[in-house]
PDB file of N, CA and C in Angstrom:
ATOM      1  N   MET A   1      73.149  89.481  97.724  1.00  0.00           N
ATOM      2  CA  MET A   1      74.138  88.475  98.028  1.00  0.00           C
ATOM      3  C   MET A   1      73.506  87.107  97.814  1.00  0.00           C
ATOM      4  N   ARG A   2      74.274  86.210  97.308  1.00  0.00           N
ATOM      5  CA  ARG A   2      73.791  84.858  97.054  1.00  0.00           C
ATOM      6  C   ARG A   2      74.165  83.937  98.212  1.00  0.00           C
ATOM      7  N   THR A   3      73.252  83.077  98.580  1.00  0.00           N
ATOM      8  CA  THR A   3      73.495  82.096  99.628  1.00  0.00           C
ATOM      9  C   THR A   3      73.795  80.759  98.978  1.00  0.00           C
ATOM     10  N   VAL A   4      74.873  80.137  99.423  1.00  0.00           N
ATOM     11  CA  VAL A   4      75.277  78.840  98.905  1.00  0.00           C
ATOM     12  C   VAL A   4      75.293  77.863 100.078  1.00  0.00           C
ATOM     13  N   PRO A   5      74.354  76.928 100.086  1.00  0.00           N
ATOM     14  CA  PRO A   5      74.340  75.972 101.204  1.00  0.00           C
ATOM     15  C   PRO A   5      75.451  74.928 101.050  1.00  0.00           C
ATOM     16  N   ILE A   6      76.120  74.639 102.154  1.00  0.00           N
ATOM     17  CA  ILE A   6      77.105  73.560 102.157  1.00  0.00           C
ATOM     18  C   ILE A   6      76.818  72.674 103.362  1.00  0.00           C
ATOM     19  N   GLN A   7      77.152  71.425 103.216  1.00  0.00           N
ATOM     20  CA  GLN A   7      76.946  70.484 104.309  1.00  0.00           C
ATOM     21  C   GLN A   7      78.296  70.153 104.926  1.00  0.00           C
ATOM     22  N   LEU A   8      78.333  70.253 106.249  1.00  0.00           N
ATOM     23  CA  LEU A   8      79.561  69.959 106.984  1.00  0.00           C
ATOM     24  C   LEU A   8      79.233  69.001 108.118  1.00  0.00           C
ATOM     25  N   PRO A   9      80.149  68.115 108.436  1.00  0.00           N
ATOM     26  CA  PRO A   9      79.924  67.233 109.581  1.00  0.00           C
ATOM     27  C   PRO A   9      79.853  68.054 110.872  1.00  0.00           C
ATOM     28  N   GLU A  10      79.028  67.646 111.795  1.00  0.00           N
ATOM     29  CA  GLU A  10      78.894  68.343 113.072  1.00  0.00           C
ATOM     30  C   GLU A  10      80.221  68.448 113.808  1.00  0.00           C
ATOM     31  N   THR A  11      81.099  67.495 113.591  1.00  0.00           N
ATOM     32  CA  THR A  11      82.363  67.453 114.331  1.00  0.00           C
ATOM     33  C   THR A  11      83.314  68.598 113.985  1.00  0.00           C
ATOM     34  N   VAL A  12      83.154  69.224 112.816  1.00  0.00           N
ATOM     35  CA  VAL A  12      84.082  70.302 112.457  1.00  0.00           C
ATOM     36  C   VAL A  12      83.942  71.497 113.383  1.00  0.00           C
ATOM     37  N   PHE A  13      82.752  71.742 113.878  1.00  0.00           N
ATOM     38  CA  PHE A  13      82.546  72.896 114.748  1.00  0.00           C
ATOM     39  C   PHE A  13      83.252  72.700 116.087  1.00  0.00           C
ATOM     40  N   SER A  14      83.135  71.522 116.641  1.00  0.00           N
ATOM     41  CA  SER A  14      83.792  71.268 117.926  1.00  0.00           C
ATOM     42  C   SER A  14      85.307  71.154 117.753  1.00  0.00           C
ATOM     43  N   ALA A  15      85.769  70.688 116.607  1.00  0.00           N
ATOM     44  CA  ALA A  15      87.210  70.559 116.370  1.00  0.00           C
ATOM     45  C   ALA A  15      87.895  71.918 116.432  1.00  0.00           C
ATOM     46  N   LEU A  16      87.227  72.934 115.913  1.00  0.00           N
ATOM     47  CA  LEU A  16      87.802  74.280 115.939  1.00  0.00           C
ATOM     48  C   LEU A  16      87.252  75.132 117.082  1.00  0.00           C
ATOM     49  N   ARG A  17      86.401  74.516 117.897  1.00  0.00           N
ATOM     50  CA  ARG A  17      85.789  75.212 119.043  1.00  0.00           C
ATOM     51  C   ARG A  17      85.080  76.485 118.610  1.00  0.00           C
ATOM     52  N   LYS A  18      84.279  76.352 117.563  1.00  0.00           N
ATOM     53  CA  LYS A  18      83.520  77.485 117.045  1.00  0.00           C
ATOM     54  C   LYS A  18      82.080  77.057 116.809  1.00  0.00           C
ATOM     55  N   ASN A  19      81.176  78.011 116.975  1.00  0.00           N
ATOM     56  CA  ASN A  19      79.796  77.717 116.613  1.00  0.00           C
ATOM     57  C   ASN A  19      79.685  77.819 115.093  1.00  0.00           C
ATOM     58  N   PRO A  20      78.604  77.348 114.495  1.00  0.00           N
ATOM     59  CA  PRO A  20      78.506  77.350 113.022  1.00  0.00           C
ATOM     60  C   PRO A  20      78.719  78.715 112.379  1.00  0.00           C
ATOM     61  N   GLU A  21      78.211  79.772 112.973  1.00  0.00           N
ATOM     62  CA  GLU A  21      78.375  81.110 112.388  1.00  0.00           C
ATOM     63  C   GLU A  21      79.839  81.545 112.412  1.00  0.00           C
ATOM     64  N   GLU A  22      80.515  81.307 113.526  1.00  0.00           N
ATOM     65  CA  GLU A  22      81.932  81.650 113.639  1.00  0.00           C
ATOM     66  C   GLU A  22      82.766  80.810 112.667  1.00  0.00           C
ATOM     67  N   PHE A  23      82.415  79.542 112.531  1.00  0.00           N
ATOM     68  CA  PHE A  23      83.140  78.648 111.628  1.00  0.00           C
ATOM     69  C   PHE A  23      83.018  79.132 110.183  1.00  0.00           C
ATOM     70  N   ILE A  24      81.804  79.473 109.768  1.00  0.00           N
ATOM     71  CA  ILE A  24      81.589  79.945 108.391  1.00  0.00           C
ATOM     72  C   ILE A  24      82.365  81.232 108.146  1.00  0.00           C
ATOM     73  N   GLN A  25      82.346  82.150 109.102  1.00  0.00           N
ATOM     74  CA  GLN A  25      83.097  83.392 108.938  1.00  0.00           C
ATOM     75  C   GLN A  25      84.590  83.106 108.811  1.00  0.00           C
ATOM     76  N   GLU A  26      85.110  82.222 109.649  1.00  0.00           N
ATOM     77  CA  GLU A  26      86.526  81.874 109.579  1.00  0.00           C
ATOM     78  C   GLU A  26      86.865  81.178 108.262  1.00  0.00           C
ATOM     79  N   MET A  27      85.950  80.367 107.769  1.00  0.00           N
ATOM     80  CA  MET A  27      86.152  79.687 106.497  1.00  0.00           C
ATOM     81  C   MET A  27      86.212  80.703 105.347  1.00  0.00           C
ATOM     82  N   ARG A  28      85.370  81.725 105.394  1.00  0.00           N
ATOM     83  CA  ARG A  28      85.400  82.773 104.364  1.00  0.00           C
ATOM     84  C   ARG A  28      86.735  83.504 104.376  1.00  0.00           C
ATOM     85  N   ILE A  29      87.222  83.818 105.579  1.00  0.00           N
ATOM     86  CA  ILE A  29      88.498  84.527 105.689  1.00  0.00           C
ATOM     87  C   ILE A  29      89.641  83.647 105.201  1.00  0.00           C
ATOM     88  N   ALA A  30      89.642  82.386 105.601  1.00  0.00           N
ATOM     89  CA  ALA A  30      90.708  81.466 105.198  1.00  0.00           C
ATOM     90  C   ALA A  30      90.745  81.285 103.678  1.00  0.00           C
ATOM     91  N   ALA A  31      89.580  81.108 103.077  1.00  0.00           N
ATOM     92  CA  ALA A  31      89.518  80.940 101.621  1.00  0.00           C
ATOM     93  C   ALA A  31      89.999  82.201 100.913  1.00  0.00           C
ATOM     94  N   ALA A  32      89.535  83.354 101.378  1.00  0.00           N
ATOM     95  CA  ALA A  32      89.939  84.616 100.758  1.00  0.00           C
ATOM     96  C   ALA A  32      91.436  84.836 100.897  1.00  0.00           C
ATOM     97  N   ALA A  33      91.989  84.529 102.062  1.00  0.00           N
ATOM     98  CA  ALA A  33      93.431  84.693 102.279  1.00  0.00           C
ATOM     99  C   ALA A  33      94.229  83.791 101.340  1.00  0.00           C
ATOM    100  N   LYS A  34      93.800  82.558 101.189  1.00  0.00           N
ATOM    101  CA  LYS A  34      94.519  81.622 100.319  1.00  0.00           C
ATOM    102  C   LYS A  34      94.433  82.050  98.862  1.00  0.00           C
ATOM    103  N   TRP A  35      93.241  82.419  98.413  1.00  0.00           N
ATOM    104  CA  TRP A  35      93.089  82.861  97.017  1.00  0.00           C
ATOM    105  C   TRP A  35      93.897  84.125  96.748  1.00  0.00           C
ATOM    106  N   TYR A  36      93.953  85.017  97.750  1.00  0.00           N
ATOM    107  CA  TYR A  36      94.768  86.220  97.618  1.00  0.00           C
ATOM    108  C   TYR A  36      96.249  85.849  97.547  1.00  0.00           C
ATOM    109  N   GLU A  37      96.674  84.951  98.429  1.00  0.00           N
ATOM    110  CA  GLU A  37      98.073  84.510  98.444  1.00  0.00           C
ATOM    111  C   GLU A  37      98.476  83.896  97.106  1.00  0.00           C
ATOM    112  N   LEU A  38      97.572  83.158  96.486  1.00  0.00           N
ATOM    113  CA  LEU A  38      97.848  82.525  95.195  1.00  0.00           C
ATOM    114  C   LEU A  38      97.769  83.498  94.026  1.00  0.00           C
ATOM    115  N   GLY A  39      97.333  84.726  94.305  1.00  0.00           N
ATOM    116  CA  GLY A  39      97.232  85.734  93.260  1.00  0.00           C
ATOM    117  C   GLY A  39      96.009  85.579  92.383  1.00  0.00           C
ATOM    118  N   GLU A  40      95.027  84.845  92.853  1.00  0.00           N
ATOM    119  CA  GLU A  40      93.821  84.609  92.053  1.00  0.00           C
ATOM    120  C   GLU A  40      92.804  85.734  92.173  1.00  0.00           C
ATOM    121  N   ILE A  41      92.870  86.492  93.275  1.00  0.00           N
ATOM    122  CA  ILE A  41      91.945  87.600  93.479  1.00  0.00           C
ATOM    123  C   ILE A  41      92.707  88.781  94.068  1.00  0.00           C
ATOM    124  N   SER A  42      92.137  89.964  93.907  1.00  0.00           N
ATOM    125  CA  SER A  42      92.746  91.173  94.456  1.00  0.00           C
ATOM    126  C   SER A  42      92.495  91.260  95.953  1.00  0.00           C
ATOM    127  N   GLN A  43      93.226  92.152  96.587  1.00  0.00           N
ATOM    128  CA  GLN A  43      93.046  92.365  98.012  1.00  0.00           C
ATOM    129  C   GLN A  43      91.632  92.880  98.309  1.00  0.00           C
ATOM    130  N   ALA A  44      91.136  93.774  97.475  1.00  0.00           N
ATOM    131  CA  ALA A  44      89.781  94.312  97.672  1.00  0.00           C
ATOM    132  C   ALA A  44      88.732  93.215  97.544  1.00  0.00           C
ATOM    133  N   LYS A  45      88.873  92.357  96.539  1.00  0.00           N
ATOM    134  CA  LYS A  45      87.917  91.261  96.343  1.00  0.00           C
ATOM    135  C   LYS A  45      88.021  90.263  97.484  1.00  0.00           C
ATOM    136  N   ALA A  46      89.227  89.993  97.940  1.00  0.00           N
ATOM    137  CA  ALA A  46      89.416  89.067  99.059  1.00  0.00           C
ATOM    138  C   ALA A  46      88.746  89.598 100.319  1.00  0.00           C
ATOM    139  N   ALA A  47      88.893  90.888 100.577  1.00  0.00           N
ATOM    140  CA  ALA A  47      88.242  91.497 101.742  1.00  0.00           C
ATOM    141  C   ALA A  47      86.726  91.372 101.631  1.00  0.00           C
ATOM    142  N   GLU A  48      86.207  91.574 100.428  1.00  0.00           N
ATOM    143  CA  GLU A  48      84.765  91.438 100.195  1.00  0.00           C
ATOM    144  C   GLU A  48      84.298  90.009 100.470  1.00  0.00           C
ATOM    145  N   ILE A  49      85.029  89.029  99.953  1.00  0.00           N
ATOM    146  CA  ILE A  49      84.685  87.620 100.177  1.00  0.00           C
ATOM    147  C   ILE A  49      84.730  87.294 101.668  1.00  0.00           C
ATOM    148  N   ALA A  50      85.734  87.829 102.357  1.00  0.00           N
ATOM    149  CA  ALA A  50      85.903  87.569 103.783  1.00  0.00           C
ATOM    150  C   ALA A  50      84.855  88.278 104.630  1.00  0.00           C
ATOM    151  N   GLY A  51      84.182  89.254 104.042  1.00  0.00           N
ATOM    152  CA  GLY A  51      83.196  90.023 104.805  1.00  0.00           C
ATOM    153  C   GLY A  51      83.846  91.000 105.764  1.00  0.00           C
ATOM    154  N   LEU A  52      85.034  91.498 105.378  1.00  0.00           N
ATOM    155  CA  LEU A  52      85.804  92.407 106.216  1.00  0.00           C
ATOM    156  C   LEU A  52      86.109  93.681 105.443  1.00  0.00           C
ATOM    157  N   SER A  53      86.461  94.736 106.188  1.00  0.00           N
ATOM    158  CA  SER A  53      87.008  95.912 105.527  1.00  0.00           C
ATOM    159  C   SER A  53      88.402  95.539 105.035  1.00  0.00           C
ATOM    160  N   ARG A  54      88.949  96.354 104.179  1.00  0.00           N
ATOM    161  CA  ARG A  54      90.284  96.061 103.662  1.00  0.00           C
ATOM    162  C   ARG A  54      91.314  96.059 104.793  1.00  0.00           C
ATOM    163  N   ALA A  55      91.212  97.009 105.712  1.00  0.00           N
ATOM    164  CA  ALA A  55      92.140  97.068 106.853  1.00  0.00           C
ATOM    165  C   ALA A  55      92.003  95.825 107.726  1.00  0.00           C
ATOM    166  N   GLU A  56      90.776  95.394 107.977  1.00  0.00           N
ATOM    167  CA  GLU A  56      90.559  94.186 108.771  1.00  0.00           C
ATOM    168  C   GLU A  56      91.128  92.958 108.067  1.00  0.00           C
ATOM    169  N   PHE A  57      90.971  92.908 106.734  1.00  0.00           N
ATOM    170  CA  PHE A  57      91.506  91.775 105.982  1.00  0.00           C
ATOM    171  C   PHE A  57      93.031  91.752 106.047  1.00  0.00           C
ATOM    172  N   ILE A  58      93.654  92.914 105.928  1.00  0.00           N
ATOM    173  CA  ILE A  58      95.117  92.980 106.015  1.00  0.00           C
ATOM    174  C   ILE A  58      95.575  92.456 107.375  1.00  0.00           C
ATOM    175  N   ASN A  59      94.872  92.821 108.432  1.00  0.00           N
ATOM    176  CA  ASN A  59      95.202  92.303 109.760  1.00  0.00           C
ATOM    177  C   ASN A  59      95.001  90.794 109.829  1.00  0.00           C
ATOM    178  N   ALA A  60      93.936  90.291 109.197  1.00  0.00           N
ATOM    179  CA  ALA A  60      93.667  88.847 109.202  1.00  0.00           C
ATOM    180  C   ALA A  60      94.749  88.073 108.463  1.00  0.00           C
ATOM    181  N   LEU A  61      95.338  88.676 107.443  1.00  0.00           N
ATOM    182  CA  LEU A  61      96.393  87.989 106.688  1.00  0.00           C
ATOM    183  C   LEU A  61      97.555  87.585 107.579  1.00  0.00           C
ATOM    184  N   SER A  62      97.857  88.384 108.579  1.00  0.00           N
ATOM    185  CA  SER A  62      98.977  88.049 109.459  1.00  0.00           C
ATOM    186  C   SER A  62      98.708  86.762 110.232  1.00  0.00           C
ATOM    187  N   ARG A  63      97.449  86.487 110.570  1.00  0.00           N
ATOM    188  CA  ARG A  63      97.122  85.236 111.268  1.00  0.00           C
ATOM    189  C   ARG A  63      97.422  84.025 110.405  1.00  0.00           C
ATOM    190  N   TYR A  64      97.323  84.190 109.086  1.00  0.00           N
ATOM    191  CA  TYR A  64      97.582  83.097 108.150  1.00  0.00           C
ATOM    192  C   TYR A  64      98.990  83.158 107.571  1.00  0.00           C
ATOM    193  N   GLN A  65      99.802  84.067 108.096  1.00  0.00           N
ATOM    194  CA  GLN A  65     101.183  84.247 107.646  1.00  0.00           C
ATOM    195  C   GLN A  65     101.263  84.494 106.137  1.00  0.00           C
ATOM    196  N   VAL A  66     100.367  85.353 105.674  1.00  0.00           N
ATOM    197  CA  VAL A  66     100.336  85.749 104.269  1.00  0.00           C
ATOM    198  C   VAL A  66     100.758  87.205 104.185  1.00  0.00           C
ATOM    199  N   ASP A  67     101.747  87.487 103.348  1.00  0.00           N
ATOM    200  CA  ASP A  67     102.212  88.859 103.162  1.00  0.00           C
ATOM    201  C   ASP A  67     101.103  89.676 102.511  1.00  0.00           C
ATOM    202  N   PHE A  68     100.863  90.879 103.042  1.00  0.00           N
ATOM    203  CA  PHE A  68      99.798  91.705 102.487  1.00  0.00           C
ATOM    204  C   PHE A  68     100.160  92.300 101.132  1.00  0.00           C
ATOM    205  N   MET A  69     101.436  92.276 100.782  1.00  0.00           N
ATOM    206  CA  MET A  69     101.862  92.766  99.469  1.00  0.00           C
ATOM    207  C   MET A  69     102.169  91.568  98.580  1.00  0.00           C
ATOM    208  N   GLN A  70     101.333  91.336  97.619  1.00  0.00           N
ATOM    209  CA  GLN A  70     101.498  90.187  96.728  1.00  0.00           C
ATOM    210  C   GLN A  70     101.920  90.658  95.331  1.00  0.00           C
ATOM    211  N   TYR A  71     103.031  91.353  95.276  1.00  0.00           N
ATOM    212  CA  TYR A  71     103.560  91.835  94.004  1.00  0.00           C
ATOM    213  C   TYR A  71     104.677  90.925  93.521  1.00  0.00           C
ATOM    214  N   THR A  72     104.700  90.685  92.220  1.00  0.00           N
ATOM    215  CA  THR A  72     105.877  90.058  91.639  1.00  0.00           C
ATOM    216  C   THR A  72     106.926  91.161  91.464  1.00  0.00           C
ATOM    217  N   ALA A  73     108.161  90.787  91.212  1.00  0.00           N
ATOM    218  CA  ALA A  73     109.223  91.777  91.016  1.00  0.00           C
ATOM    219  C   ALA A  73     108.882  92.691  89.842  1.00  0.00           C
ATOM    220  N   GLN A  74     108.326  92.122  88.782  1.00  0.00           N
ATOM    221  CA  GLN A  74     107.974  92.916  87.610  1.00  0.00           C
ATOM    222  C   GLN A  74     106.850  93.896  87.931  1.00  0.00           C
ATOM    223  N   GLU A  75     105.821  93.438  88.653  1.00  0.00           N
ATOM    224  CA  GLU A  75     104.712  94.320  89.015  1.00  0.00           C
ATOM    225  C   GLU A  75     105.193  95.460  89.904  1.00  0.00           C
ATOM    226  N   LEU A  76     106.081  95.158  90.833  1.00  0.00           N
ATOM    227  CA  LEU A  76     106.610  96.184  91.712  1.00  0.00           C
ATOM    228  C   LEU A  76     107.422  97.199  90.917  1.00  0.00           C
ATOM    229  N   ALA A  77     108.234  96.723  89.978  1.00  0.00           N
ATOM    230  CA  ALA A  77     109.027  97.625  89.145  1.00  0.00           C
ATOM    231  C   ALA A  77     108.120  98.542  88.327  1.00  0.00           C
ATOM    232  N   GLU A  78     107.017  97.989  87.787  1.00  0.00           N
ATOM    233  CA  GLU A  78     106.071  98.779  87.020  1.00  0.00           C
ATOM    234  C   GLU A  78     105.411  99.839  87.900  1.00  0.00           C
ATOM    235  N   GLU A  79     105.031  99.443  89.118  1.00  0.00           N
ATOM    236  CA  GLU A  79     104.419 100.398  90.054  1.00  0.00           C
ATOM    237  C   GLU A  79     105.388 101.538  90.372  1.00  0.00           C
ATOM    238  N   LEU A  80     106.647 101.185  90.595  1.00  0.00           N
ATOM    239  CA  LEU A  80     107.639 102.195  90.950  1.00  0.00           C
ATOM    240  C   LEU A  80     107.921 103.160  89.807  1.00  0.00           C
ATOM    241  N   THR A  81     107.828 102.694  88.560  1.00  0.00           N
ATOM    242  CA  THR A  81     108.060 103.589  87.434  1.00  0.00           C
ATOM    243  C   THR A  81     106.900 104.567  87.262  1.00  0.00           C
ATOM    244  N   ASN A  82     105.734 104.221  87.805  1.00  0.00           N
ATOM    245  CA  ASN A  82     104.569 105.095  87.684  1.00  0.00           C
ATOM    246  C   ASN A  82     104.424 106.068  88.839  1.00  0.00           C
ATOM    247  N   VAL A  83     105.331 106.023  89.805  1.00  0.00           N
ATOM    248  CA  VAL A  83     105.281 106.924  90.947  1.00  0.00           C
ATOM    249  C   VAL A  83     105.839 108.278  90.533  1.00  0.00           C
ATOM    250  N   ASP A  84     105.118 109.315  90.868  1.00  0.00           N
ATOM    251  CA  ASP A  84     105.596 110.669  90.517  1.00  0.00           C
ATOM    252  C   ASP A  84     106.518 111.228  91.543  1.00  0.00           C
TER     253      ASP A  84
END
């Protein structure tokens, strides 16, 4: 795993009432949820970025009011035609 250092003002931790480790974890989940919502990454990749299992990530999506199914109408139709 690669470590990427970022600098944040000390005030961000107290604003969200989180210690630095909790803040970074929440930031990973928030970023993954947004990228997933925008369709830029898959659910599996988003869970990996968030550092969660797929089931845990799906549960986290509800906190951000993101639907766990990010299918377009066309993608859903294609999936349904492939169901046996």
